[in-house]
Protein backbone atom coordinates (compact mmCIF):
# COMPACT_ATOMS: atom_id res chain seq x y z
CA MET A 1 -77.57 -34.25 -3.65
CA GLU A 2 -74.40 -32.26 -3.23
CA ILE A 3 -72.91 -30.85 -6.43
CA LYS A 4 -69.50 -32.36 -7.18
CA ASN A 5 -69.12 -32.05 -10.96
CA ILE A 6 -69.54 -29.24 -13.47
CA ILE A 7 -69.77 -30.20 -17.12
CA PHE A 8 -69.24 -27.68 -19.90
CA ASP A 9 -70.30 -27.68 -23.50
CA PHE A 10 -67.74 -25.61 -25.44
CA GLY A 11 -69.20 -23.98 -28.58
CA GLY A 12 -71.51 -21.15 -27.56
CA VAL A 13 -70.44 -21.48 -23.91
CA LEU A 14 -66.67 -21.05 -23.83
CA MET A 15 -65.88 -20.63 -27.56
CA ASP A 16 -67.33 -18.19 -30.07
CA TRP A 17 -67.54 -20.21 -33.29
CA ASN A 18 -69.55 -19.08 -36.30
CA PRO A 19 -68.92 -19.72 -40.03
CA ARG A 20 -70.02 -16.16 -40.70
CA TYR A 21 -66.74 -14.88 -39.27
CA PHE A 22 -65.08 -16.22 -42.41
CA PHE A 23 -67.84 -16.09 -45.02
CA LYS A 24 -68.91 -12.50 -44.35
CA THR A 25 -65.68 -11.27 -45.92
CA TYR A 26 -65.53 -14.12 -48.43
CA PHE A 27 -68.92 -13.31 -49.96
CA ASN A 28 -69.15 -9.63 -49.08
CA ASP A 29 -72.85 -10.19 -49.67
CA ASP A 30 -74.96 -11.09 -46.63
CA GLU A 31 -77.86 -12.45 -48.64
CA LYS A 32 -75.64 -14.83 -50.61
CA MET A 33 -73.81 -15.86 -47.44
CA GLU A 34 -77.05 -16.70 -45.64
CA TYR A 35 -78.30 -18.67 -48.65
CA PHE A 36 -75.06 -20.70 -48.65
CA LEU A 37 -75.15 -21.40 -44.90
CA GLU A 38 -78.85 -22.24 -44.84
CA ASN A 39 -79.05 -24.34 -48.01
CA ILE A 40 -75.59 -25.59 -49.02
CA ALA A 41 -73.31 -25.77 -45.93
CA GLN A 42 -76.17 -26.03 -43.48
CA ASP A 43 -75.93 -27.02 -39.82
CA GLU A 44 -77.25 -30.52 -40.53
CA TRP A 45 -74.28 -31.15 -42.85
CA ASN A 46 -71.67 -29.80 -40.43
CA ILE A 47 -73.18 -31.86 -37.60
CA GLU A 48 -72.30 -35.07 -39.44
CA GLN A 49 -68.61 -34.09 -39.23
CA ASP A 50 -69.16 -33.48 -35.49
CA ARG A 51 -70.67 -36.97 -35.37
CA GLY A 52 -67.44 -38.45 -36.72
CA ARG A 53 -67.58 -38.24 -40.52
CA THR A 54 -64.24 -37.00 -41.84
CA LEU A 55 -64.00 -33.45 -43.14
CA ALA A 56 -62.80 -34.76 -46.50
CA GLU A 57 -65.72 -37.16 -46.88
CA GLY A 58 -68.25 -34.56 -45.77
CA THR A 59 -66.86 -32.02 -48.23
CA GLU A 60 -66.93 -34.46 -51.17
CA ILE A 61 -70.49 -35.57 -50.38
CA GLN A 62 -71.68 -31.98 -50.45
CA ILE A 63 -69.76 -31.09 -53.61
CA LYS A 64 -71.51 -33.97 -55.41
CA LYS A 65 -74.84 -32.51 -54.35
CA PHE A 66 -73.92 -28.91 -55.12
CA PRO A 67 -71.11 -28.87 -57.73
CA ASP A 68 -71.64 -25.16 -58.45
CA TRP A 69 -70.56 -24.42 -54.88
CA GLU A 70 -67.37 -26.49 -54.88
CA ARG A 71 -65.06 -23.54 -54.23
CA GLU A 72 -67.10 -22.33 -51.29
CA LEU A 73 -67.49 -25.83 -49.81
CA ARG A 74 -63.74 -26.46 -49.97
CA ALA A 75 -63.17 -23.10 -48.31
CA TYR A 76 -65.36 -24.12 -45.35
CA TYR A 77 -62.96 -26.39 -43.51
CA ASP A 78 -59.82 -24.91 -45.08
CA ASN A 79 -60.69 -21.71 -43.19
CA TRP A 80 -62.22 -23.27 -40.11
CA PRO A 81 -59.77 -21.54 -37.70
CA VAL A 82 -61.10 -18.14 -38.82
CA MET A 83 -64.58 -19.28 -37.79
CA LEU A 84 -63.30 -19.92 -34.25
CA LYS A 85 -63.13 -16.23 -33.48
CA SER A 86 -62.31 -16.20 -29.77
CA ASP A 87 -63.36 -17.38 -26.37
CA PHE A 88 -66.12 -15.86 -24.25
CA PRO A 89 -63.99 -14.09 -21.61
CA HIS A 90 -66.65 -13.85 -18.88
CA ASN A 91 -67.45 -17.55 -19.00
CA VAL A 92 -63.77 -18.52 -19.21
CA GLU A 93 -63.17 -16.40 -16.13
CA VAL A 94 -65.84 -18.39 -14.28
CA LEU A 95 -64.19 -21.62 -15.45
CA ARG A 96 -60.84 -20.43 -14.09
CA LYS A 97 -62.45 -19.63 -10.74
CA LEU A 98 -64.01 -23.10 -10.62
CA ALA A 99 -60.59 -24.65 -11.27
CA ASN A 100 -59.51 -23.28 -7.88
CA THR A 101 -62.34 -25.05 -6.05
CA SER A 102 -62.98 -28.70 -5.17
CA TYR A 103 -65.46 -29.21 -8.03
CA GLN A 104 -64.44 -31.58 -10.80
CA LEU A 105 -64.56 -30.09 -14.32
CA TYR A 106 -65.56 -32.01 -17.44
CA GLY A 107 -66.23 -31.23 -21.09
CA LEU A 108 -68.97 -32.72 -23.27
CA THR A 109 -68.85 -31.24 -26.74
CA ASN A 110 -70.24 -31.73 -30.24
CA TRP A 111 -67.03 -31.15 -32.17
CA SER A 112 -65.17 -32.75 -35.06
CA GLU A 113 -62.27 -34.93 -33.98
CA GLU A 114 -60.18 -33.25 -36.69
CA THR A 115 -60.79 -29.63 -35.71
CA PHE A 116 -60.89 -29.94 -31.91
CA PRO A 117 -57.07 -30.22 -31.55
CA TYR A 118 -56.75 -26.68 -32.95
CA ALA A 119 -58.81 -25.34 -30.05
CA LEU A 120 -56.82 -27.38 -27.53
CA GLU A 121 -53.54 -26.01 -28.85
CA ASN A 122 -54.62 -22.38 -29.04
CA TYR A 123 -56.68 -21.85 -25.87
CA ASP A 124 -54.88 -22.71 -22.65
CA PHE A 125 -58.02 -22.89 -20.50
CA PHE A 126 -58.76 -26.33 -21.96
CA ASN A 127 -55.90 -27.59 -19.77
CA LEU A 128 -58.13 -26.95 -16.75
CA PHE A 129 -60.17 -30.00 -17.74
CA GLU A 130 -57.09 -32.24 -17.39
CA GLY A 131 -58.16 -34.29 -20.40
CA LYS A 132 -61.59 -35.11 -18.97
CA ILE A 133 -63.39 -34.22 -22.19
CA VAL A 134 -65.81 -36.30 -24.26
CA VAL A 135 -65.77 -35.25 -27.94
CA SER A 136 -68.63 -36.32 -30.19
CA GLY A 137 -66.42 -36.83 -33.25
CA THR A 138 -64.24 -39.28 -31.35
CA GLU A 139 -67.15 -41.19 -29.82
CA LYS A 140 -69.25 -41.23 -33.02
CA LEU A 141 -72.15 -40.05 -30.85
CA ILE A 142 -73.63 -36.59 -30.70
CA LYS A 143 -75.83 -34.59 -28.34
CA PRO A 144 -78.77 -34.80 -27.79
CA ASP A 145 -78.34 -38.59 -28.10
CA PRO A 146 -78.44 -39.70 -24.44
CA LYS A 147 -75.73 -42.29 -25.14
CA ILE A 148 -73.04 -39.62 -25.17
CA TRP A 149 -73.94 -38.51 -21.63
CA HIS A 150 -73.73 -42.15 -20.56
CA VAL A 151 -70.21 -42.31 -22.02
CA LEU A 152 -69.25 -39.38 -19.78
CA LEU A 153 -70.96 -40.80 -16.69
CA GLU A 154 -69.47 -44.28 -17.08
CA ARG A 155 -65.98 -43.19 -18.12
CA TYR A 156 -65.53 -40.92 -15.11
CA GLN A 157 -67.88 -42.75 -12.71
CA LEU A 158 -70.13 -39.75 -12.18
CA GLU A 159 -73.67 -39.43 -10.83
CA ALA A 160 -75.95 -37.19 -12.90
CA GLY A 161 -77.63 -35.89 -9.74
CA GLU A 162 -74.28 -34.62 -8.44
CA SER A 163 -73.53 -32.80 -11.69
CA ILE A 164 -74.39 -29.51 -13.38
CA PHE A 165 -74.50 -29.52 -17.19
CA ILE A 166 -74.00 -26.23 -19.06
CA ASP A 167 -74.96 -25.83 -22.75
CA ASP A 168 -76.28 -23.22 -25.15
CA ASN A 169 -78.49 -25.69 -27.05
CA PHE A 170 -81.96 -26.05 -25.55
CA LYS A 171 -82.47 -29.59 -26.88
CA ASN A 172 -79.29 -30.67 -25.10
CA ILE A 173 -80.43 -29.02 -21.89
CA GLU A 174 -83.79 -30.79 -22.06
CA MET A 175 -82.14 -34.17 -22.58
CA ALA A 176 -79.70 -33.58 -19.72
CA LYS A 177 -82.63 -32.76 -17.43
CA THR A 178 -84.35 -36.04 -18.30
CA LEU A 179 -81.11 -37.84 -17.41
CA GLY A 180 -81.09 -36.24 -13.96
CA PHE A 181 -78.56 -33.44 -14.38
CA LYS A 182 -79.01 -29.98 -12.97
CA THR A 183 -78.65 -27.62 -15.93
CA ILE A 184 -77.80 -24.09 -17.00
CA HIS A 185 -79.00 -22.96 -20.41
CA ILE A 186 -76.51 -20.38 -21.68
CA LEU A 187 -77.94 -17.40 -23.55
CA GLN A 188 -76.10 -14.25 -24.59
CA GLU A 189 -77.27 -12.44 -21.45
CA THR A 190 -76.65 -15.31 -19.00
CA ASP A 191 -74.53 -14.52 -15.94
CA LEU A 192 -72.91 -17.92 -15.51
CA GLU A 193 -71.47 -17.28 -12.06
CA ALA A 194 -74.84 -16.09 -10.75
CA GLU A 195 -76.61 -19.13 -12.22
CA LEU A 196 -74.08 -21.47 -10.62
CA ASN A 197 -74.58 -19.70 -7.30
CA LYS A 198 -78.33 -20.32 -7.57
CA LEU A 199 -77.60 -24.03 -7.84
CA GLY A 200 -75.47 -23.92 -4.70
CA VAL A 201 -71.98 -23.71 -6.23
CA LYS A 202 -69.53 -21.94 -3.93
CA PHE A 203 -66.48 -20.21 -5.37
CA GLU A 204 -64.62 -19.90 -2.05
């Protein structure tokens, strides 16, 4: 099938987000920072906010579990913008090139409904999606749950076989493959434009 649609994950693909960008300076102690991020403010906890739980509720739940870490837990979302360090220029450049082609661009992201507006306001390339973005926190669904891909497909009347899905999370890539998408798994060394070319995407 001819490729018509290109679907981007955001974190790890277009945006460089990592809590260490804030906590490295906050703790000034890598061992303590890693303990906090692996055992107190772990990924599994943050994912629930991406799934739609409010930041306030998530913070209070964790403080009840770990009262000795209250200060650090409150600092997590208070300083969230510092964790969103920058974009990935090479991949954003590819996105901008795609915006000048006939391909349709979509976003499918695991992201809190409360923090995503900051990214929209501060990085102009999100305008290239023309609002065609499915955000997990808004939908109360999160990758790799196949239901969130179905939201995208049904909302915009897309065919998976006509679409390329780009993500840095291998579990998400595997699920997208089972749903019939062509996929690109983004790693640090991935040349996105070259990978798109391999799948038949033309930039001219």
